[in-house]
Amino acid sequence: MQLLTLLSLTMNRSWKDKRGQDLIEYALMAGFVAVAAGAIMPGVATSISTIFSSIASVMTGAASQS
């Protein structure tokens, strides 16, 4: 029963925590701008793809270190 209570308290705390919200909003906006730029300027699409691939590999590396 204590595990369920601890899990409930942790979920409530993380649900109310708004510290990462701005970062996520900026990342979503940057992604939207990149997709729009790629759609408008096809020559930019390969550069955008390279940047997103680089970001994905860095995030994968960071996740594996945790």
Protein backbone atom coordinates (compact mmCIF):
# COMPACT_ATOMS: atom_id res chain seq x y z
CA MET A 1 0.00 0.00 0.00
CA GLN A 2 2.89 2.38 0.72
CA LEU A 3 4.23 1.91 -2.80
CA LEU A 4 0.89 3.04 -4.22
CA THR A 5 0.88 6.11 -1.95
CA LEU A 6 4.45 6.98 -2.91
CA LEU A 7 3.63 6.58 -6.59
CA SER A 8 0.56 8.78 -6.20
CA LEU A 9 2.54 11.54 -4.44
CA THR A 10 5.28 11.39 -7.10
CA MET A 11 2.74 11.62 -9.92
CA ASN A 12 1.02 14.60 -8.26
CA ARG A 13 4.33 16.43 -7.81
CA SER A 14 5.46 15.85 -11.37
CA TRP A 15 2.03 16.81 -12.76
CA LYS A 16 2.19 20.18 -10.98
CA ASP A 17 5.85 20.83 -11.88
CA LYS A 18 5.95 23.32 -14.77
CA ARG A 19 9.71 23.94 -15.00
CA GLY A 20 10.23 22.06 -18.28
CA GLN A 21 7.15 23.42 -20.00
CA ASP A 22 8.89 26.43 -21.59
CA LEU A 23 11.68 24.28 -22.99
CA ILE A 24 9.18 21.89 -24.57
CA GLU A 25 7.21 24.79 -26.06
CA TYR A 26 10.35 26.28 -27.61
CA ALA A 27 11.39 22.89 -28.99
CA LEU A 28 7.95 22.39 -30.56
CA MET A 29 8.04 25.87 -32.08
CA ALA A 30 11.55 25.29 -33.49
CA GLY A 31 10.38 22.01 -34.98
CA PHE A 32 7.37 23.69 -36.56
CA VAL A 33 9.54 26.44 -38.06
CA ALA A 34 11.96 23.83 -39.41
CA VAL A 35 9.17 21.81 -41.02
CA ALA A 36 7.63 24.94 -42.52
CA ALA A 37 11.02 26.09 -43.86
CA GLY A 38 11.60 22.64 -45.34
CA ALA A 39 8.21 22.72 -47.05
CA ILE A 40 8.72 26.22 -48.44
CA MET A 41 12.38 25.83 -49.42
CA PRO A 42 13.11 22.26 -50.56
CA GLY A 43 16.86 22.93 -50.68
CA VAL A 44 16.85 23.48 -46.92
CA ALA A 45 15.16 20.14 -46.23
CA THR A 46 18.41 18.13 -46.37
CA SER A 47 20.11 20.50 -43.91
CA ILE A 48 17.15 20.27 -41.55
CA SER A 49 17.20 16.49 -41.78
CA THR A 50 20.92 16.46 -40.95
CA ILE A 51 20.37 18.71 -37.92
CA PHE A 52 17.50 16.58 -36.59
CA SER A 53 19.55 13.41 -37.08
CA SER A 54 22.41 14.98 -35.13
CA ILE A 55 20.08 16.01 -32.31
CA ALA A 56 18.56 12.52 -32.21
CA SER A 57 21.98 10.89 -31.93
CA VAL A 58 23.02 13.26 -29.11
CA MET A 59 19.79 12.55 -27.21
CA THR A 60 20.20 8.80 -27.71
CA GLY A 61 23.74 9.02 -26.35
CA ALA A 62 22.58 11.04 -23.36
CA ALA A 63 19.78 8.58 -22.63
CA SER A 64 22.17 5.63 -22.72
CA GLN A 65 24.49 7.31 -20.18
CA SER A 66 21.70 7.76 -17.62
